[in-house]
């Protein structure tokens, strides 16, 4: 029995790798099928379908064959939820917010050089690590922000973004987030966990880095060095789980993500060649 269960299980789609939108979708399909059978008085078959469906979702993550293949592409085409894109928005992603053409004009090399010079990150062989005093200061700033409501975070974001950037609170699919709009009309959305992490980083950098554009642009790469969740302080995991809205090219593996299993949030998506 154990060997049979092991053959049935799909650990890449269950546990911390589970795609909850796919799970919910498949659960709804099982419920519809079982209800339809019950309505035509096929109660035993309805019960069997329900039990088998729940077992399949529990062991494999889905019931409908090839769900992990078609669900992300379908969700992306339908634009079901802007929060499930490959990489979350960032303070540095607002197009046309600065005279030089937006924070995207700040090169990665310039950001890295500034962070190394300010003793924010320390080269360690081919890797980078956070300097302990900065990590502690950043964590303190995130603690001070995590209980703020989104309106308070929006006011703080307004102070840490370019003067031309408008910030407000938006919502869709029952989830609220910060909206940042640049002078040219380009829009970026920030989920709560990203706002807490990057605004905390910007505040922790104020005493170390003078250039506000560098402080904004540093938020995204610094997120890749997080060890604990900005919202709950539990340890983060690296997973390759795919979820609705993420499209993996044929023949490629899903990107690795920095993920909090307790809050079910993604903090960073690493490049596929990582």
Protein backbone atom coordinates (compact mmCIF):
# COMPACT_ATOMS: atom_id res chain seq x y z
CA UNK A 1 0.00 0.00 0.00
CA UNK A 2 2.83 2.37 0.91
CA UNK A 3 4.58 1.83 -2.43
CA UNK A 4 1.29 2.43 -4.26
CA UNK A 5 0.72 5.70 -2.41
CA UNK A 6 4.28 6.78 -3.17
CA UNK A 7 3.67 6.19 -6.87
CA UNK A 8 0.45 8.21 -6.74
CA UNK A 9 1.86 11.14 -4.75
CA UNK A 10 3.16 14.22 -6.58
CA UNK A 11 5.30 16.09 -4.01
CA UNK A 12 6.12 18.78 -6.58
CA UNK A 13 2.44 19.85 -6.40
CA UNK A 14 1.68 19.22 -2.72
CA UNK A 15 2.92 20.36 0.69
CA UNK A 16 4.79 23.66 0.50
CA UNK A 17 4.70 23.35 -3.32
CA UNK A 18 0.90 23.24 -3.47
CA UNK A 19 -0.79 25.66 -5.86
CA UNK A 20 -3.83 26.80 -3.90
CA UNK A 21 -5.77 28.36 -6.80
CA UNK A 22 -5.41 25.06 -8.69
CA UNK A 23 -6.40 23.12 -5.58
CA UNK A 24 -9.50 25.26 -5.06
CA UNK A 25 -10.46 25.01 -8.73
CA UNK A 26 -10.16 21.22 -8.72
CA UNK A 27 -12.05 21.01 -5.43
CA UNK A 28 -14.89 23.03 -6.93
CA UNK A 29 -15.01 20.69 -9.95
CA UNK A 30 -15.20 17.64 -7.68
CA UNK A 31 -18.00 19.27 -5.68
CA UNK A 32 -19.96 20.08 -8.85
CA UNK A 33 -19.58 16.53 -10.18
CA UNK A 34 -20.59 14.94 -6.87
CA UNK A 35 -23.58 17.29 -6.50
CA UNK A 36 -24.75 16.56 -10.04
CA UNK A 37 -24.62 12.81 -9.39
CA UNK A 38 -26.48 13.21 -6.10
CA UNK A 39 -29.23 15.20 -7.82
CA UNK A 40 -29.90 12.31 -10.20
CA UNK A 41 -30.00 9.93 -7.22
CA UNK A 42 -26.60 8.32 -7.87
CA UNK A 43 -25.63 8.86 -4.26
CA UNK A 44 -23.10 6.03 -3.95
CA UNK A 45 -21.34 7.14 -7.09
CA UNK A 46 -21.46 10.74 -5.87
CA UNK A 47 -19.83 9.70 -2.59
CA UNK A 48 -17.19 7.71 -4.46
CA UNK A 49 -16.42 10.64 -6.76
CA UNK A 50 -16.15 12.98 -3.77
CA UNK A 51 -13.86 10.67 -1.80
CA UNK A 52 -11.67 9.87 -4.80
CA UNK A 53 -11.47 13.54 -5.77
CA UNK A 54 -10.48 14.69 -2.29
CA UNK A 55 -7.88 11.91 -2.05
CA UNK A 56 -6.43 12.83 -5.44
CA UNK A 57 -6.21 16.52 -4.55
CA UNK A 58 -4.59 15.64 -1.22
CA UNK A 59 -2.01 13.27 -2.70
CA UNK A 60 -1.41 14.82 -6.11
CA UNK A 61 -2.55 18.44 -5.84
CA UNK A 62 -5.19 18.12 -8.57
CA UNK A 63 -7.81 15.85 -10.16
CA UNK A 64 -8.12 17.11 -13.75
CA UNK A 65 -5.19 15.69 -15.74
CA UNK A 66 -2.46 18.17 -16.76
CA UNK A 67 -3.85 20.91 -14.49
CA UNK A 68 -0.30 22.17 -13.70
CA UNK A 69 0.30 22.55 -17.44
CA UNK A 70 -2.79 24.38 -18.60
CA UNK A 71 -3.94 26.28 -15.49
CA UNK A 72 -1.10 28.84 -15.37
CA UNK A 73 -1.39 29.64 -19.09
CA UNK A 74 -5.17 29.92 -18.87
CA UNK A 75 -4.97 32.19 -15.84
CA UNK A 76 -2.35 34.36 -17.52
CA UNK A 77 -4.48 34.75 -20.67
CA UNK A 78 -7.51 35.64 -18.58
CA UNK A 79 -5.47 37.93 -16.29
CA UNK A 80 -7.23 36.43 -13.30
CA UNK A 81 -5.15 38.10 -10.62
CA UNK A 82 -2.34 40.64 -11.03
CA UNK A 83 -0.77 39.40 -7.80
CA UNK A 84 0.18 36.02 -9.30
CA UNK A 85 2.59 37.30 -11.93
CA UNK A 86 6.13 35.87 -12.03
CA UNK A 87 7.67 38.68 -9.95
CA UNK A 88 5.95 41.02 -7.50
CA UNK A 89 5.98 44.77 -8.10
CA UNK A 90 8.64 46.98 -6.57
CA UNK A 91 9.22 50.58 -5.50
CA UNK A 92 11.81 50.74 -8.27
CA UNK A 93 9.44 49.57 -11.00
CA UNK A 94 7.42 52.76 -11.58
CA UNK A 95 7.99 53.87 -15.20
CA UNK A 96 8.86 57.50 -15.86
CA UNK A 97 9.00 58.64 -12.24
CA UNK A 98 12.37 60.43 -12.32
CA UNK A 99 13.91 62.96 -14.70
CA UNK A 100 16.31 60.29 -15.94
CA UNK A 101 13.46 58.08 -17.06
CA UNK A 102 12.45 56.31 -13.90
CA UNK A 103 14.23 54.24 -11.28
CA UNK A 104 14.80 51.58 -13.94
CA UNK A 105 17.48 53.97 -15.24
CA UNK A 106 19.53 53.22 -12.11
CA UNK A 107 21.76 50.34 -13.15
CA UNK A 108 22.22 47.22 -11.08
CA UNK A 109 25.94 47.89 -11.02
CA UNK A 110 25.36 51.34 -9.49
CA UNK A 111 23.04 49.90 -6.84
CA UNK A 112 25.49 47.13 -5.95
CA UNK A 113 28.42 49.53 -5.78
CA UNK A 114 26.48 51.87 -3.48
CA UNK A 115 25.39 49.03 -1.19
CA UNK A 116 28.92 47.63 -0.93
CA UNK A 117 30.37 51.08 -0.29
CA UNK A 118 27.79 51.71 2.44
CA UNK A 119 28.54 48.33 4.10
CA UNK A 120 25.00 47.14 3.49
CA UNK A 121 26.05 43.99 1.62
CA UNK A 122 29.32 42.12 1.95
CA UNK A 123 30.80 40.00 -0.87
CA UNK A 124 31.36 36.42 0.27
CA UNK A 125 33.04 34.55 -2.57
CA UNK A 126 30.55 34.54 -5.44
CA UNK A 127 27.65 35.30 -3.10
CA UNK A 128 26.48 38.43 -1.28
CA UNK A 129 25.31 38.56 2.32
CA UNK A 130 23.77 41.30 4.39
CA UNK A 131 26.01 43.07 6.88
CA UNK A 132 24.66 42.01 10.33
CA UNK A 133 24.03 45.54 11.64
CA UNK A 134 22.05 46.45 8.52
CA UNK A 135 20.09 43.20 8.65
CA UNK A 136 19.13 44.02 12.25
CA UNK A 137 18.18 47.61 11.36
CA UNK A 138 16.10 46.42 8.39
CA UNK A 139 14.33 43.84 10.52
CA UNK A 140 13.51 46.50 13.12
CA UNK A 141 12.02 48.75 10.41
CA UNK A 142 9.88 45.90 9.06
CA UNK A 143 8.63 45.14 12.58
CA UNK A 144 7.59 48.78 12.95
CA UNK A 145 5.62 48.68 9.67
CA UNK A 146 3.94 45.29 9.64
CA UNK A 147 0.98 46.36 11.76
CA UNK A 148 0.35 49.58 9.81
CA UNK A 149 -2.71 49.61 7.58
CA UNK A 150 -2.29 50.11 3.84
CA UNK A 151 -3.29 53.77 4.06
CA UNK A 152 -0.35 54.41 6.41
CA UNK A 153 1.96 52.42 4.12
CA UNK A 154 0.70 54.47 1.16
CA UNK A 155 1.60 57.71 2.95
CA UNK A 156 5.07 56.34 3.69
CA UNK A 157 5.49 55.17 0.09
CA UNK A 158 4.53 58.65 -1.09
CA UNK A 159 7.49 60.04 0.87
CA UNK A 160 9.93 57.44 -0.45
CA UNK A 161 8.97 57.58 -4.13
CA UNK A 162 9.73 60.28 -6.69
CA UNK A 163 7.65 63.50 -6.45
CA UNK A 164 5.90 62.66 -9.72
CA UNK A 165 4.63 59.32 -8.40
CA UNK A 166 1.05 59.07 -7.13
CA UNK A 167 0.33 56.42 -4.48
CA UNK A 168 -3.01 55.06 -3.36
CA UNK A 169 -4.66 51.87 -2.09
CA UNK A 170 -6.41 49.64 -4.62
CA UNK A 171 -8.10 46.26 -4.43
CA UNK A 172 -9.21 43.39 -6.63
CA UNK A 173 -10.36 39.81 -6.04
CA UNK A 174 -10.81 40.67 -2.36
CA UNK A 175 -7.15 41.63 -1.90
CA UNK A 176 -5.83 45.12 -1.27
CA UNK A 177 -2.47 46.51 -2.34
CA UNK A 178 -0.59 49.73 -2.98
CA UNK A 179 -0.82 51.30 -6.42
CA UNK A 180 2.08 53.46 -7.66
CA UNK A 181 1.53 55.50 -10.82
CA UNK A 182 4.34 57.35 -12.58
CA UNK A 183 4.13 60.62 -14.47
CA UNK A 184 3.73 58.80 -17.79
CA UNK A 185 0.79 56.76 -16.52
CA UNK A 186 2.66 53.51 -15.87
CA UNK A 187 1.34 51.60 -12.87
CA UNK A 188 2.99 49.20 -10.43
CA UNK A 189 1.18 47.34 -7.64
CA UNK A 190 2.80 46.38 -4.34
CA UNK A 191 1.44 43.61 -2.19
CA UNK A 192 1.53 44.23 1.55
CA UNK A 193 4.53 41.98 2.22
CA UNK A 194 6.55 43.66 -0.56
CA UNK A 195 5.61 47.14 0.67
CA UNK A 196 6.69 46.29 4.23
CA UNK A 197 9.99 44.77 3.03
CA UNK A 198 10.97 47.54 0.58
CA UNK A 199 9.77 50.51 2.63
CA UNK A 200 11.58 49.03 5.62
CA UNK A 201 14.72 48.73 3.50
CA UNK A 202 14.39 52.31 2.26
CA UNK A 203 14.12 53.60 5.83
CA UNK A 204 17.05 51.47 7.03
CA UNK A 205 19.15 52.80 4.13
CA UNK A 206 18.48 56.48 4.87
CA UNK A 207 21.45 56.80 7.23
CA UNK A 208 23.75 54.93 4.84
CA UNK A 209 22.81 55.91 1.25
CA UNK A 210 22.14 59.52 0.25
CA UNK A 211 20.59 58.95 -3.20
CA UNK A 212 16.83 58.25 -2.87
CA UNK A 213 16.74 56.57 -6.30
CA UNK A 214 19.38 54.09 -5.11
CA UNK A 215 17.41 53.46 -1.92
CA UNK A 216 14.30 52.67 -3.98
CA UNK A 217 16.14 50.52 -6.50
CA UNK A 218 17.86 48.57 -3.71
CA UNK A 219 14.57 47.20 -2.36
CA UNK A 220 14.11 44.49 -4.96
CA UNK A 221 17.63 42.96 -4.86
CA UNK A 222 17.70 43.20 -1.07
CA UNK A 223 14.50 41.14 -0.96
CA UNK A 224 16.46 38.23 -2.42
CA UNK A 225 18.56 38.19 0.77
CA UNK A 226 15.65 38.00 3.20
CA UNK A 227 15.83 35.13 5.67
CA UNK A 228 12.54 35.71 7.49
CA UNK A 229 9.10 36.87 6.40
CA UNK A 230 8.38 40.62 6.73
CA UNK A 231 4.88 39.82 7.99
CA UNK A 232 5.40 37.00 10.50
CA UNK A 233 9.19 36.63 10.92
CA UNK A 234 9.04 32.90 10.25
CA UNK A 235 11.84 31.38 8.16
CA UNK A 236 11.48 31.60 4.39
CA UNK A 237 11.84 28.67 2.01
CA UNK A 238 13.03 28.38 -1.58
CA UNK A 239 10.51 26.53 -3.74
CA UNK A 240 9.90 25.85 -7.42
CA UNK A 241 6.15 25.57 -6.99
CA UNK A 242 4.13 26.97 -9.86
CA UNK A 243 0.85 28.76 -9.44
CA UNK A 244 -1.85 30.29 -11.61
CA UNK A 245 -0.50 33.26 -13.51
CA UNK A 246 3.04 31.90 -13.87
CA UNK A 247 3.97 30.61 -17.30
CA UNK A 248 6.97 28.28 -17.61
CA UNK A 249 8.36 27.93 -21.15
CA UNK A 250 8.20 24.42 -22.58
CA UNK A 251 11.35 22.53 -21.71
CA UNK A 252 12.21 24.85 -18.80
CA UNK A 253 11.98 24.33 -15.06
CA UNK A 254 9.87 26.73 -12.97
CA UNK A 255 11.75 29.61 -11.41
CA UNK A 256 12.85 29.35 -7.79
CA UNK A 257 10.91 31.58 -5.40
CA UNK A 258 11.61 32.87 -1.92
CA UNK A 259 8.42 31.92 -0.15
CA UNK A 260 6.78 32.10 3.29
CA UNK A 261 4.72 28.94 3.84
CA UNK A 262 3.05 30.41 6.93
CA UNK A 263 1.70 33.50 5.14
CA UNK A 264 1.53 31.83 1.70
CA UNK A 265 3.31 34.79 0.07
CA UNK A 266 6.17 35.02 -2.42
CA UNK A 267 8.90 37.54 -1.63
CA UNK A 268 11.20 37.13 -4.62
CA UNK A 269 11.45 35.21 -7.89
CA UNK A 270 14.96 34.25 -8.90
CA UNK A 271 16.07 34.22 -12.52
CA UNK A 272 15.70 30.80 -14.14
CA UNK A 273 19.42 30.56 -14.86
CA UNK A 274 20.15 30.91 -11.14
